[in-house]
Amino acid sequence: MFEALFVWARPKALPPALEVASELEADDVQTADAAPLVLASRRSDDLKAEYLLVQNQYEAFDQRALSMKALATPLLGAGIVAGIKDPSSAILWATILVAASLWLLEGIWKGFQKNLAYRVEKLERWYRGEEPGDMVPFQVYSEWNAVPTSMRIYYVATRMWAPFVALPYLVVIAISSVAIWRG
C-alpha cells in the first residue's frame, strides 16, 4: 500500500554505474562465494565511472577559463583604448578592477580544479595498484573537503601567477596603470 504512494519518488532510471550494479546483484550473486568477486567488479566499474566523471570536470575548468579569456580580452582591450583615447582615469581604473576580478576568479577556478586533481591522482594510483584495494568510489565531495583551507588559499595565490592564468589580466593591469600614471 505505501509502496504505491511513493512510486513518484523513485528515479525513472538509474545512473549507468548503478544500473550495472543492480544487474550484477540480481543476476550474478547466486552464492556467497560469488559475492566478493561481484563486489570487486562493481567497485571497479564505479571507480571507472567516477574517474571519467571527475576527469571530464577537470578538463571543463580549462574550457571555461579559455572561454572567459576569449570574451574578456577584447572587452578589456576596449576599456584600455577608451581610457587612453579620451583620457579617462575612471575608465582605466574600472578596466583594472574588472581585470583583477577576472584574474582572481580564474585563480579560484584553478583552486577548484586542483581539488578535483587530488581525486583524479588517487584514482590513477588505485588503478596502478599503489592504493589499497578497498578504495571507496564516489567520494569527490569528501576528497574535496579533505584539502585544508590553507592549502586551497595557497594554491589559488600561487596559481594566479602562472603565465597561463595571469595572461591577459596582468598585461591589462600593467598597461592601464601606465596610462593612468602618464595621466
Protein backbone atom coordinates (compact mmCIF):
# COMPACT_ATOMS: atom_id res chain seq x y z
CA MET A 1 0.00 0.00 0.00
CA PHE A 2 2.68 2.51 1.00
CA GLU A 3 4.81 1.50 -1.95
CA ALA A 4 2.12 2.76 -4.34
CA LEU A 5 2.13 6.13 -2.58
CA PHE A 6 5.86 6.63 -3.07
CA VAL A 7 6.28 5.43 -6.64
CA TRP A 8 6.59 9.06 -7.74
CA ALA A 9 9.71 9.47 -5.58
CA ARG A 10 11.67 6.72 -7.34
CA PRO A 11 14.05 7.75 -10.11
CA LYS A 12 12.80 6.80 -13.55
CA ALA A 13 16.20 5.36 -14.48
CA LEU A 14 19.29 4.54 -12.52
CA PRO A 15 22.64 6.08 -13.44
CA PRO A 16 24.58 3.65 -15.68
CA ALA A 17 27.03 2.59 -12.94
CA LEU A 18 24.21 1.83 -10.52
CA GLU A 19 22.20 0.10 -13.22
CA VAL A 20 25.12 -2.26 -13.83
CA ALA A 21 25.43 -2.81 -10.08
CA SER A 22 21.74 -3.71 -9.81
CA GLU A 23 22.05 -6.19 -12.67
CA LEU A 24 25.10 -7.75 -11.03
CA GLU A 25 23.31 -8.09 -7.73
CA ALA A 26 20.24 -9.68 -9.30
CA ASP A 27 21.90 -11.94 -11.86
CA ASP A 28 25.37 -12.83 -10.65
CA VAL A 29 25.09 -13.22 -6.91
CA GLN A 30 23.87 -16.78 -6.70
CA THR A 31 26.13 -17.96 -3.93
CA ALA A 32 28.06 -16.44 -1.06
CA ASP A 33 31.29 -17.37 -2.87
CA ALA A 34 30.45 -15.10 -5.83
CA ALA A 35 29.72 -12.03 -3.67
CA PRO A 36 33.34 -10.78 -3.22
CA LEU A 37 34.02 -11.11 -6.94
CA VAL A 38 30.85 -9.24 -7.86
CA LEU A 39 31.54 -6.53 -5.28
CA ALA A 40 35.09 -6.06 -6.60
CA SER A 41 33.81 -5.88 -10.18
CA ARG A 42 31.12 -3.38 -9.25
CA ARG A 43 33.57 -1.27 -7.26
CA SER A 44 35.98 -1.27 -10.21
CA ASP A 45 33.16 -0.19 -12.54
CA ASP A 46 32.10 2.51 -10.07
CA LEU A 47 35.67 3.80 -9.74
CA LYS A 48 36.00 3.85 -13.52
CA ALA A 49 32.76 5.84 -13.83
CA GLU A 50 33.94 8.23 -11.13
CA TYR A 51 37.32 8.67 -12.81
CA LEU A 52 35.72 9.53 -16.14
CA LEU A 53 33.32 11.97 -14.50
CA VAL A 54 35.99 13.74 -12.43
CA GLN A 55 38.46 13.85 -15.33
CA ASN A 56 35.81 15.45 -17.56
CA GLN A 57 35.04 18.01 -14.87
CA TYR A 58 38.76 18.74 -14.52
CA GLU A 59 39.06 19.41 -18.25
CA ALA A 60 35.87 21.51 -18.21
CA PHE A 61 37.54 24.03 -15.89
CA ASP A 62 40.17 24.74 -18.57
CA GLN A 63 37.49 25.09 -21.24
CA ARG A 64 35.56 27.58 -19.09
CA ALA A 65 38.70 29.57 -18.32
CA LEU A 66 39.58 29.81 -22.02
CA SER A 67 36.03 30.85 -22.87
CA MET A 68 36.17 33.56 -20.22
CA LYS A 69 39.51 34.81 -21.59
CA ALA A 70 38.15 34.80 -25.15
CA LEU A 71 35.26 37.00 -24.08
CA ALA A 72 37.15 39.21 -21.62
CA THR A 73 40.27 40.04 -23.65
CA PRO A 74 38.58 42.13 -26.36
CA LEU A 75 36.39 43.87 -23.78
CA LEU A 76 39.35 44.69 -21.55
CA GLY A 77 41.25 45.88 -24.63
CA ALA A 78 38.31 48.15 -25.48
CA GLY A 79 38.45 49.52 -21.93
CA ILE A 80 42.13 50.39 -22.37
CA VAL A 81 41.52 52.01 -25.76
CA ALA A 82 38.56 54.03 -24.45
CA GLY A 83 40.52 55.13 -21.37
CA ILE A 84 43.54 56.25 -23.42
CA LYS A 85 41.67 57.78 -26.40
CA ASP A 86 39.54 60.09 -24.27
CA PRO A 87 41.89 60.33 -21.31
CA SER A 88 39.76 58.92 -18.52
CA SER A 89 41.37 57.53 -15.41
CA ALA A 90 37.90 56.34 -14.29
CA ILE A 91 37.61 54.03 -17.31
CA LEU A 92 41.16 52.80 -16.81
CA TRP A 93 40.53 52.15 -13.08
CA ALA A 94 37.36 50.28 -13.99
CA THR A 95 39.33 48.22 -16.51
CA ILE A 96 41.92 47.42 -13.82
CA LEU A 97 39.17 46.42 -11.38
CA VAL A 98 37.48 44.13 -13.91
CA ALA A 99 40.81 42.57 -14.96
CA ALA A 100 41.81 41.98 -11.32
CA SER A 101 38.40 40.43 -10.56
CA LEU A 102 38.59 38.08 -13.54
CA TRP A 103 42.18 37.18 -12.65
CA LEU A 104 41.13 36.31 -9.09
CA LEU A 105 38.14 34.34 -10.40
CA GLU A 106 40.37 32.27 -12.67
CA GLY A 107 42.77 31.68 -9.77
CA ILE A 108 39.86 30.42 -7.67
CA TRP A 109 38.73 28.17 -10.53
CA LYS A 110 42.25 26.73 -10.69
CA GLY A 111 41.92 26.04 -6.96
CA PHE A 112 38.68 24.16 -7.58
CA GLN A 113 40.37 22.29 -10.39
CA LYS A 114 43.28 21.33 -8.14
CA ASN A 115 40.85 19.89 -5.58
CA LEU A 116 39.50 17.63 -8.33
CA ALA A 117 43.06 16.74 -9.31
CA TYR A 118 43.67 15.20 -5.88
CA ARG A 119 40.88 12.69 -6.52
CA VAL A 120 41.99 12.04 -10.11
CA GLU A 121 45.53 11.32 -8.87
CA LYS A 122 44.23 8.99 -6.16
CA LEU A 123 42.10 7.06 -8.67
CA GLU A 124 45.06 6.76 -11.04
CA ARG A 125 47.24 5.43 -8.19
CA TRP A 126 44.50 2.89 -7.39
CA TYR A 127 44.47 1.66 -10.99
CA ARG A 128 48.27 1.31 -10.90
CA GLY A 129 47.93 -0.77 -7.73
CA GLU A 130 49.54 1.87 -5.48
CA GLU A 131 46.38 2.48 -3.41
CA PRO A 132 44.67 -0.05 -1.13
CA GLY A 133 42.24 -2.39 -2.86
CA ASP A 134 39.32 -1.25 -0.70
CA MET A 135 39.06 2.27 -2.15
CA VAL A 136 35.52 3.59 -1.85
CA PRO A 137 34.02 5.02 -5.07
CA PHE A 138 32.11 8.30 -5.46
CA GLN A 139 33.95 10.27 -2.78
CA VAL A 140 34.60 13.50 -4.69
CA TYR A 141 32.95 15.73 -2.06
CA SER A 142 34.79 14.03 0.80
CA GLU A 143 38.13 14.28 -1.00
CA TRP A 144 37.42 17.92 -1.86
CA ASN A 145 36.77 18.81 1.77
CA ALA A 146 39.81 16.84 2.94
CA VAL A 147 42.03 19.55 1.46
CA PRO A 148 42.78 22.07 4.24
CA THR A 149 41.61 25.65 3.65
CA SER A 150 45.18 26.93 4.00
CA MET A 151 46.25 24.68 1.11
CA ARG A 152 43.34 25.92 -1.02
CA ILE A 153 44.28 29.55 -0.40
CA TYR A 154 47.96 28.81 -1.05
CA TYR A 155 47.16 27.08 -4.32
CA VAL A 156 44.94 29.95 -5.54
CA ALA A 157 47.61 32.51 -4.63
CA THR A 158 50.39 30.60 -6.39
CA ARG A 159 48.34 29.65 -9.48
CA MET A 160 47.37 33.27 -10.11
CA TRP A 161 50.99 33.97 -11.07
CA ALA A 162 51.25 31.12 -13.56
CA PRO A 163 51.58 32.65 -17.04
CA PHE A 164 48.54 30.83 -18.46
CA VAL A 165 46.40 32.25 -15.63
CA ALA A 166 47.92 35.74 -15.39
CA LEU A 167 47.57 36.45 -19.10
CA PRO A 168 45.92 38.69 -20.28
CA TYR A 169 44.89 40.18 -16.93
CA LEU A 170 48.34 41.19 -15.69
CA VAL A 171 49.14 42.83 -19.04
CA VAL A 172 45.84 44.76 -18.99
CA ILE A 173 46.50 45.93 -15.43
CA ALA A 174 50.06 46.99 -16.33
CA ILE A 175 49.03 48.93 -19.47
CA SER A 176 46.12 50.62 -17.67
CA SER A 177 48.36 51.53 -14.72
CA VAL A 178 50.99 53.07 -17.01
CA ALA A 179 48.26 55.03 -18.83
CA ILE A 180 46.93 56.37 -15.51
CA TRP A 181 50.43 57.23 -14.30
CA ARG A 182 51.23 59.14 -17.52
CA GLY A 183 47.93 60.94 -17.00
